[in-house]
Structures are given as structure tokens and as C-alpha cells.
Amino acid sequence: MERISNYEITKRRVQGEFVKYDQPKMIKKFSLKHDEEFLYIKFIGFVYRVNRKNGLVEWLNKDKQWVEGDFDESLTIYDLFCDSKENCHASGDYINLSSLSALQSSSKKLGEGLLGGKNRLFDHKDDLLCKICEELGGTKAGKGDVAYEIPLFDFLKCRIQFWNSDDEFDAQLQIFMDKNILQFIRYETVWYAVTTLMKRLMEGLEN
């Protein structure tokens, strides 16, 4: 008998809760494309849909096939749709993830080690990293050897800033979120979104 992970159990539980929420309110709040079966939203360069009857999250891959969303993708979208603040709005100003962590009273060090080691994988691959960011809908902005503003959603963006290594410093990747990110998703969920962003960057590198 296949063992189901705690992540999968949580995802299925939240999936079931999703259908209890006010979907017309979600549609109006985020100007969602929709039909009788699905709500649609673009998340880090890909189109996602949420089944309006059972809450299942899927995304449209490059082969034009719908694939079930993983824990991080699904929970980010559920949190946005169901628990965002009433009048959430992007500020256009950005805050480093480390600064965002410092603002939290929680002793949890969420996301610790998430970027560790991955920095070197992009080292001196400027053209490739630029291409990946642009494929995700990014536009050049910010400081660094490679710096892009990338839409998390159509109405909320993040930034990445990357510096190549030199004789004195190792390669460094920094991620910035909109200053009002916690109006849209909870602090814990920010790390689910960042995990998804890193996954998309890594997929571009591997391909």
C-alpha cells in the first residue's frame, strides 16, 4: 500500500476546504478568467486552473498538457484565493526575504537553506538566466549582473538579483517580494511561492 505524505494529506484537505469559499468574490477580487468548470490564474509564467467543484489545482505545461499542481503551487493559490486581505494591493516597493523574515515575531527560520548551493549553478551563465527570466514574463529591473522583475501573478511581482562570483565573493542570488506581500499570502506561504519560483528557474537551467 502506497504511503501518502503529510504534504499530500494537507493539500487534499485544503483542496476540500476551497470549495466552501465564495468563488464569485474571488473572481471579482482578482479579475479572474473563468468558466463553469474552472478559475484561471497565471502563476510564475504558467497558466493554472482550479476546479470549481473539487478544488483541484492544475497547470498547463509547455507540451500543452494539464498537470496536477504540487503542494507549494497549490497551497500558494489556495491561500491567495481564500485568505488574502480584503483590500490587498501591490505597493511597487520591494523587500528582501531576509528583511521580511526579520519583521516576523515567529522564531521559525522558514526557507532557511532554500537558496544555499543553488547560487553557484547560475554562476557566469548570464545569458541563460536572462532567457529563463524572460520566459517567465520577467523584465529587466534592479541591480546585479542579472536583475529581473518577475510576475508572481499578473497583479503582484517579485524581483531576483544575481551577482556572479569573483576572486573575493561567491555567487549570490537575492529574492525580493513586494512590500505588501503579506496582504496577499501568509508568511509561511511566501516560502511556498519562493520554492515554486526556484523550481521554475532550475527547470530552465536543466532544459
C-alpha atoms as a PDB file:
ATOM      1  CA  MET A   1       0.000   0.000   0.000  1.00  0.00           C
ATOM      2  CA  GLU A   2       1.423   3.361  -1.075  1.00  0.00           C
ATOM      3  CA  ARG A   3       2.136   5.716   1.807  1.00  0.00           C
ATOM      4  CA  ILE A   4       0.721   9.222   1.452  1.00  0.00           C
ATOM      5  CA  SER A   5       2.974  12.055   2.639  1.00  0.00           C
ATOM      6  CA  ASN A   6       1.843  14.670   5.131  1.00  0.00           C
ATOM      7  CA  TYR A   7       2.200  17.255   2.360  1.00  0.00           C
ATOM      8  CA  GLU A   8      -0.230  15.343   0.185  1.00  0.00           C
ATOM      9  CA  ILE A   9      -2.653  14.912   3.078  1.00  0.00           C
ATOM     10  CA  THR A  10      -2.561  18.654   3.758  1.00  0.00           C
ATOM     11  CA  LYS A  11      -3.008  19.512   0.092  1.00  0.00           C
ATOM     12  CA  ARG A  12      -6.072  17.270  -0.199  1.00  0.00           C
ATOM     13  CA  ARG A  13      -7.561  18.701   2.994  1.00  0.00           C
ATOM     14  CA  VAL A  14      -7.169  22.303   1.813  1.00  0.00           C
ATOM     15  CA  GLN A  15      -8.455  21.300  -1.620  1.00  0.00           C
ATOM     16  CA  GLY A  16     -11.668  20.148   0.030  1.00  0.00           C
ATOM     17  CA  GLU A  17     -11.931  23.379   2.029  1.00  0.00           C
ATOM     18  CA  PHE A  18     -11.504  25.536  -1.078  1.00  0.00           C
ATOM     19  CA  VAL A  19     -14.938  24.685  -2.470  1.00  0.00           C
ATOM     20  CA  LYS A  20     -16.596  26.162   0.645  1.00  0.00           C
ATOM     21  CA  TYR A  21     -15.343  29.675  -0.167  1.00  0.00           C
ATOM     22  CA  ASP A  22     -17.085  32.407  -2.152  1.00  0.00           C
ATOM     23  CA  GLN A  23     -15.871  31.911  -5.737  1.00  0.00           C
ATOM     24  CA  PRO A  24     -17.710  34.899  -7.286  1.00  0.00           C
ATOM     25  CA  LYS A  25     -15.910  37.065  -4.727  1.00  0.00           C
ATOM     26  CA  MET A  26     -12.551  35.600  -5.803  1.00  0.00           C
ATOM     27  CA  ILE A  27     -13.360  36.242  -9.453  1.00  0.00           C
ATOM     28  CA  LYS A  28     -14.228  39.869  -8.804  1.00  0.00           C
ATOM     29  CA  LYS A  29     -11.332  40.495  -6.410  1.00  0.00           C
ATOM     30  CA  PHE A  30      -8.616  39.262  -8.779  1.00  0.00           C
ATOM     31  CA  SER A  31     -10.391  39.749 -12.153  1.00  0.00           C
ATOM     32  CA  LEU A  32     -10.041  36.014 -12.806  1.00  0.00           C
ATOM     33  CA  LYS A  33     -10.735  34.402 -16.122  1.00  0.00           C
ATOM     34  CA  HIS A  34     -13.286  31.678 -15.513  1.00  0.00           C
ATOM     35  CA  ASP A  35     -15.886  29.359 -16.969  1.00  0.00           C
ATOM     36  CA  GLU A  36     -18.392  26.956 -15.433  1.00  0.00           C
ATOM     37  CA  GLU A  37     -15.706  24.418 -14.565  1.00  0.00           C
ATOM     38  CA  PHE A  38     -12.557  26.353 -13.687  1.00  0.00           C
ATOM     39  CA  LEU A  39     -10.982  29.514 -12.306  1.00  0.00           C
ATOM     40  CA  TYR A  40      -7.786  30.513 -14.139  1.00  0.00           C
ATOM     41  CA  ILE A  41      -4.722  32.418 -12.939  1.00  0.00           C
ATOM     42  CA  LYS A  42      -1.171  32.902 -14.212  1.00  0.00           C
ATOM     43  CA  PHE A  43       1.458  31.996 -11.622  1.00  0.00           C
ATOM     44  CA  ILE A  44       5.188  32.484 -12.330  1.00  0.00           C
ATOM     45  CA  GLY A  45       4.908  32.218 -16.085  1.00  0.00           C
ATOM     46  CA  PHE A  46       2.383  29.386 -16.379  1.00  0.00           C
ATOM     47  CA  VAL A  47      -1.406  29.216 -16.535  1.00  0.00           C
ATOM     48  CA  TYR A  48      -3.076  27.429 -13.625  1.00  0.00           C
ATOM     49  CA  ARG A  49      -6.676  26.392 -13.185  1.00  0.00           C
ATOM     50  CA  VAL A  50      -8.682  25.450 -10.116  1.00  0.00           C
ATOM     51  CA  ASN A  51     -11.590  23.053 -10.480  1.00  0.00           C
ATOM     52  CA  ARG A  52     -14.648  24.841  -9.143  1.00  0.00           C
ATOM     53  CA  LYS A  53     -16.315  21.614  -7.972  1.00  0.00           C
ATOM     54  CA  ASN A  54     -13.471  19.723  -6.295  1.00  0.00           C
ATOM     55  CA  GLY A  55     -10.735  22.369  -5.835  1.00  0.00           C
ATOM     56  CA  LEU A  56      -8.015  20.510  -7.761  1.00  0.00           C
ATOM     57  CA  VAL A  57      -5.177  22.779  -8.956  1.00  0.00           C
ATOM     58  CA  GLU A  58      -3.540  22.039 -12.323  1.00  0.00           C
ATOM     59  CA  TRP A  59      -1.077  23.897 -14.550  1.00  0.00           C
ATOM     60  CA  LEU A  60      -0.561  23.921 -18.322  1.00  0.00           C
ATOM     61  CA  ASN A  61       2.945  22.735 -19.182  1.00  0.00           C
ATOM     62  CA  LYS A  62       4.989  23.536 -22.293  1.00  0.00           C
ATOM     63  CA  ASP A  63       3.550  20.465 -24.010  1.00  0.00           C
ATOM     64  CA  LYS A  64       0.065  21.943 -23.530  1.00  0.00           C
ATOM     65  CA  GLN A  65      -0.887  19.239 -21.046  1.00  0.00           C
ATOM     66  CA  TRP A  66      -2.640  19.902 -17.736  1.00  0.00           C
ATOM     67  CA  VAL A  67      -0.560  18.623 -14.809  1.00  0.00           C
ATOM     68  CA  GLU A  68      -1.649  18.460 -11.173  1.00  0.00           C
ATOM     69  CA  GLY A  69      -0.028  21.174  -9.071  1.00  0.00           C
ATOM     70  CA  ASP A  70       2.314  20.155  -6.269  1.00  0.00           C
ATOM     71  CA  PHE A  71       1.995  21.172  -2.629  1.00  0.00           C
ATOM     72  CA  ASP A  72       3.797  24.514  -2.970  1.00  0.00           C
ATOM     73  CA  GLU A  73       1.918  25.628  -6.076  1.00  0.00           C
ATOM     74  CA  SER A  74      -1.480  24.541  -4.820  1.00  0.00           C
ATOM     75  CA  LEU A  75      -1.170  25.966  -1.309  1.00  0.00           C
ATOM     76  CA  THR A  76       0.027  29.319  -2.663  1.00  0.00           C
ATOM     77  CA  ILE A  77      -3.025  29.624  -4.886  1.00  0.00           C
ATOM     78  CA  TYR A  78      -5.456  28.415  -2.207  1.00  0.00           C
ATOM     79  CA  ASP A  79      -4.042  30.932   0.267  1.00  0.00           C
ATOM     80  CA  LEU A  80      -4.279  33.779  -2.232  1.00  0.00           C
ATOM     81  CA  PHE A  81      -7.867  32.992  -3.191  1.00  0.00           C
ATOM     82  CA  CYS A  82      -9.211  32.157   0.249  1.00  0.00           C
ATOM     83  CA  ASP A  83      -7.245  34.132   2.839  1.00  0.00           C
ATOM     84  CA  SER A  84      -5.885  37.314   1.218  1.00  0.00           C
ATOM     85  CA  LYS A  85      -6.765  40.622   2.848  1.00  0.00           C
ATOM     86  CA  GLU A  86      -9.945  42.333   1.716  1.00  0.00           C
ATOM     87  CA  ASN A  87      -8.228  45.313   0.075  1.00  0.00           C
ATOM     88  CA  CYS A  88      -4.892  43.746  -0.820  1.00  0.00           C
ATOM     89  CA  HIS A  89      -2.842  45.755  -3.285  1.00  0.00           C
ATOM     90  CA  ALA A  90       0.734  45.781  -4.546  1.00  0.00           C
ATOM     91  CA  SER A  91       2.957  48.629  -3.358  1.00  0.00           C
ATOM     92  CA  GLY A  92       5.542  48.526  -6.144  1.00  0.00           C
ATOM     93  CA  ASP A  93       8.267  48.644  -3.480  1.00  0.00           C
ATOM     94  CA  TYR A  94      10.340  45.585  -2.664  1.00  0.00           C
ATOM     95  CA  ILE A  95      11.740  43.975   0.450  1.00  0.00           C
ATOM     96  CA  ASN A  96      14.468  41.357   0.699  1.00  0.00           C
ATOM     97  CA  LEU A  97      13.330  37.992   2.008  1.00  0.00           C
ATOM     98  CA  SER A  98      15.770  38.249   4.904  1.00  0.00           C
ATOM     99  CA  SER A  99      14.207  41.570   5.892  1.00  0.00           C
ATOM    100  CA  LEU A 100      10.745  40.043   5.602  1.00  0.00           C
ATOM    101  CA  SER A 101      11.831  37.295   8.000  1.00  0.00           C
ATOM    102  CA  ALA A 102      13.121  39.885  10.459  1.00  0.00           C
ATOM    103  CA  LEU A 103       9.678  41.504  10.559  1.00  0.00           C
ATOM    104  CA  GLN A 104       8.083  38.313  11.849  1.00  0.00           C
ATOM    105  CA  SER A 105       7.830  37.675  15.578  1.00  0.00           C
ATOM    106  CA  SER A 106       7.933  33.935  14.944  1.00  0.00           C
ATOM    107  CA  SER A 107      11.148  32.160  15.838  1.00  0.00           C
ATOM    108  CA  LYS A 108      10.767  29.931  12.781  1.00  0.00           C
ATOM    109  CA  LYS A 109      13.514  30.296  10.203  1.00  0.00           C
ATOM    110  CA  LEU A 110      11.345  29.378   7.256  1.00  0.00           C
ATOM    111  CA  GLY A 111      13.097  28.949   3.954  1.00  0.00           C
ATOM    112  CA  GLU A 112      16.488  28.597   5.615  1.00  0.00           C
ATOM    113  CA  GLY A 113      18.871  26.953   3.180  1.00  0.00           C
ATOM    114  CA  LEU A 114      16.421  27.198   0.281  1.00  0.00           C
ATOM    115  CA  LEU A 115      18.860  29.124  -1.906  1.00  0.00           C
ATOM    116  CA  GLY A 116      22.026  27.604  -0.468  1.00  0.00           C
ATOM    117  CA  GLY A 117      24.170  25.907  -3.090  1.00  0.00           C
ATOM    118  CA  LYS A 118      21.853  26.859  -5.956  1.00  0.00           C
ATOM    119  CA  ASN A 119      23.624  30.209  -6.365  1.00  0.00           C
ATOM    120  CA  ARG A 120      26.632  28.540  -7.973  1.00  0.00           C
ATOM    121  CA  LEU A 121      24.507  26.781 -10.586  1.00  0.00           C
ATOM    122  CA  PHE A 122      23.785  30.126 -12.271  1.00  0.00           C
ATOM    123  CA  ASP A 123      27.319  31.459 -11.932  1.00  0.00           C
ATOM    124  CA  HIS A 124      28.550  33.191 -15.120  1.00  0.00           C
ATOM    125  CA  LYS A 125      25.523  31.982 -17.073  1.00  0.00           C
ATOM    126  CA  ASP A 126      24.086  35.461 -17.547  1.00  0.00           C
ATOM    127  CA  ASP A 127      22.561  34.909 -20.978  1.00  0.00           C
ATOM    128  CA  LEU A 128      20.827  31.716 -19.908  1.00  0.00           C
ATOM    129  CA  LEU A 129      19.473  33.211 -16.684  1.00  0.00           C
ATOM    130  CA  CYS A 130      18.197  36.243 -18.615  1.00  0.00           C
ATOM    131  CA  LYS A 131      16.444  33.928 -21.071  1.00  0.00           C
ATOM    132  CA  ILE A 132      14.823  31.938 -18.251  1.00  0.00           C
ATOM    133  CA  CYS A 133      13.577  35.093 -16.533  1.00  0.00           C
ATOM    134  CA  GLU A 134      12.142  36.464 -19.764  1.00  0.00           C
ATOM    135  CA  GLU A 135      10.359  33.181 -20.483  1.00  0.00           C
ATOM    136  CA  LEU A 136       8.693  33.602 -17.077  1.00  0.00           C
ATOM    137  CA  GLY A 137       7.449  37.044 -18.127  1.00  0.00           C
ATOM    138  CA  GLY A 138      10.282  38.962 -16.478  1.00  0.00           C
ATOM    139  CA  THR A 139      11.589  42.394 -17.411  1.00  0.00           C
ATOM    140  CA  LYS A 140      14.993  43.827 -16.500  1.00  0.00           C
ATOM    141  CA  ALA A 141      14.929  45.811 -13.250  1.00  0.00           C
ATOM    142  CA  GLY A 142      17.099  46.257 -10.176  1.00  0.00           C
ATOM    143  CA  LYS A 143      20.816  45.804  -9.513  1.00  0.00           C
ATOM    144  CA  GLY A 144      23.143  42.902 -10.214  1.00  0.00           C
ATOM    145  CA  ASP A 145      24.822  41.075 -13.072  1.00  0.00           C
ATOM    146  CA  VAL A 146      21.332  39.732 -13.807  1.00  0.00           C
ATOM    147  CA  ALA A 147      18.305  41.502 -12.324  1.00  0.00           C
ATOM    148  CA  TYR A 148      14.670  40.962 -13.264  1.00  0.00           C
ATOM    149  CA  GLU A 149      11.190  41.780 -12.100  1.00  0.00           C
ATOM    150  CA  ILE A 150       9.079  38.641 -12.485  1.00  0.00           C
ATOM    151  CA  PRO A 151       5.294  38.406 -12.053  1.00  0.00           C
ATOM    152  CA  LEU A 152       4.216  36.057  -9.295  1.00  0.00           C
ATOM    153  CA  PHE A 153       0.714  36.817 -10.528  1.00  0.00           C
ATOM    154  CA  ASP A 154      -0.424  39.420 -13.045  1.00  0.00           C
ATOM    155  CA  PHE A 155      -1.102  41.847 -10.190  1.00  0.00           C
ATOM    156  CA  LEU A 156       1.883  41.060  -7.923  1.00  0.00           C
ATOM    157  CA  LYS A 157       5.570  40.912  -8.811  1.00  0.00           C
ATOM    158  CA  CYS A 158       8.853  39.876  -7.236  1.00  0.00           C
ATOM    159  CA  ARG A 159      12.479  40.564  -8.126  1.00  0.00           C
ATOM    160  CA  ILE A 160      15.605  38.476  -8.421  1.00  0.00           C
ATOM    161  CA  GLN A 161      19.106  39.942  -8.318  1.00  0.00           C
ATOM    162  CA  PHE A 162      22.101  37.783  -9.145  1.00  0.00           C
ATOM    163  CA  TRP A 163      25.813  38.504  -8.830  1.00  0.00           C
ATOM    164  CA  ASN A 164      28.456  36.275 -10.399  1.00  0.00           C
ATOM    165  CA  SER A 165      31.384  35.096  -8.312  1.00  0.00           C
ATOM    166  CA  ASP A 166      34.768  36.807  -8.441  1.00  0.00           C
ATOM    167  CA  ASP A 167      38.116  36.428  -6.694  1.00  0.00           C
ATOM    168  CA  GLU A 168      36.672  37.676  -3.409  1.00  0.00           C
ATOM    169  CA  PHE A 169      32.992  36.727  -3.320  1.00  0.00           C
ATOM    170  CA  ASP A 170      30.899  33.676  -4.091  1.00  0.00           C
ATOM    171  CA  ALA A 171      27.915  33.853  -6.448  1.00  0.00           C
ATOM    172  CA  GLN A 172      24.863  35.387  -4.794  1.00  0.00           C
ATOM    173  CA  LEU A 173      21.159  35.223  -5.589  1.00  0.00           C
ATOM    174  CA  GLN A 174      18.739  37.501  -3.762  1.00  0.00           C
ATOM    175  CA  ILE A 175      14.950  37.432  -3.962  1.00  0.00           C
ATOM    176  CA  PHE A 176      12.752  40.421  -3.182  1.00  0.00           C
ATOM    177  CA  MET A 177       8.995  40.439  -2.615  1.00  0.00           C
ATOM    178  CA  ASP A 178       6.529  43.300  -2.858  1.00  0.00           C
ATOM    179  CA  LYS A 179       6.388  45.154   0.451  1.00  0.00           C
ATOM    180  CA  ASN A 180       2.677  44.246   0.716  1.00  0.00           C
ATOM    181  CA  ILE A 181       3.148  40.532   0.028  1.00  0.00           C
ATOM    182  CA  LEU A 182       1.614  39.572   3.380  1.00  0.00           C
ATOM    183  CA  GLN A 183      -1.658  41.210   2.329  1.00  0.00           C
ATOM    184  CA  PHE A 184      -1.902  38.516  -0.359  1.00  0.00           C
ATOM    185  CA  ILE A 185      -0.467  35.392   1.260  1.00  0.00           C
ATOM    186  CA  ARG A 186       0.693  34.391   4.724  1.00  0.00           C
ATOM    187  CA  TYR A 187       4.335  34.458   5.745  1.00  0.00           C
ATOM    188  CA  GLU A 188       4.625  30.648   5.572  1.00  0.00           C
ATOM    189  CA  THR A 189       3.088  30.694   2.098  1.00  0.00           C
ATOM    190  CA  VAL A 190       5.690  33.168   0.839  1.00  0.00           C
ATOM    191  CA  TRP A 191       8.174  30.310   1.056  1.00  0.00           C
ATOM    192  CA  TYR A 192       5.888  28.039  -0.950  1.00  0.00           C
ATOM    193  CA  ALA A 193       5.852  30.710  -3.672  1.00  0.00           C
ATOM    194  CA  VAL A 194       9.642  31.110  -3.490  1.00  0.00           C
ATOM    195  CA  THR A 195      10.080  27.334  -3.751  1.00  0.00           C
ATOM    196  CA  THR A 196       7.955  27.381  -6.908  1.00  0.00           C
ATOM    197  CA  LEU A 197       9.987  30.277  -8.325  1.00  0.00           C
ATOM    198  CA  MET A 198      13.240  28.414  -7.690  1.00  0.00           C
ATOM    199  CA  LYS A 199      11.782  25.305  -9.295  1.00  0.00           C
ATOM    200  CA  ARG A 200      10.956  27.257 -12.452  1.00  0.00           C
ATOM    201  CA  LEU A 201      14.441  28.766 -12.569  1.00  0.00           C
ATOM    202  CA  MET A 202      16.016  25.352 -12.104  1.00  0.00           C
ATOM    203  CA  GLU A 203      13.810  23.794 -14.802  1.00  0.00           C
ATOM    204  CA  GLY A 204      15.011  26.437 -17.242  1.00  0.00           C
ATOM    205  CA  LEU A 205      18.608  25.715 -16.311  1.00  0.00           C
ATOM    206  CA  GLU A 206      18.197  21.960 -16.703  1.00  0.00           C
ATOM    207  CA  ASN A 207      16.439  22.283 -20.049  1.00  0.00           C
END
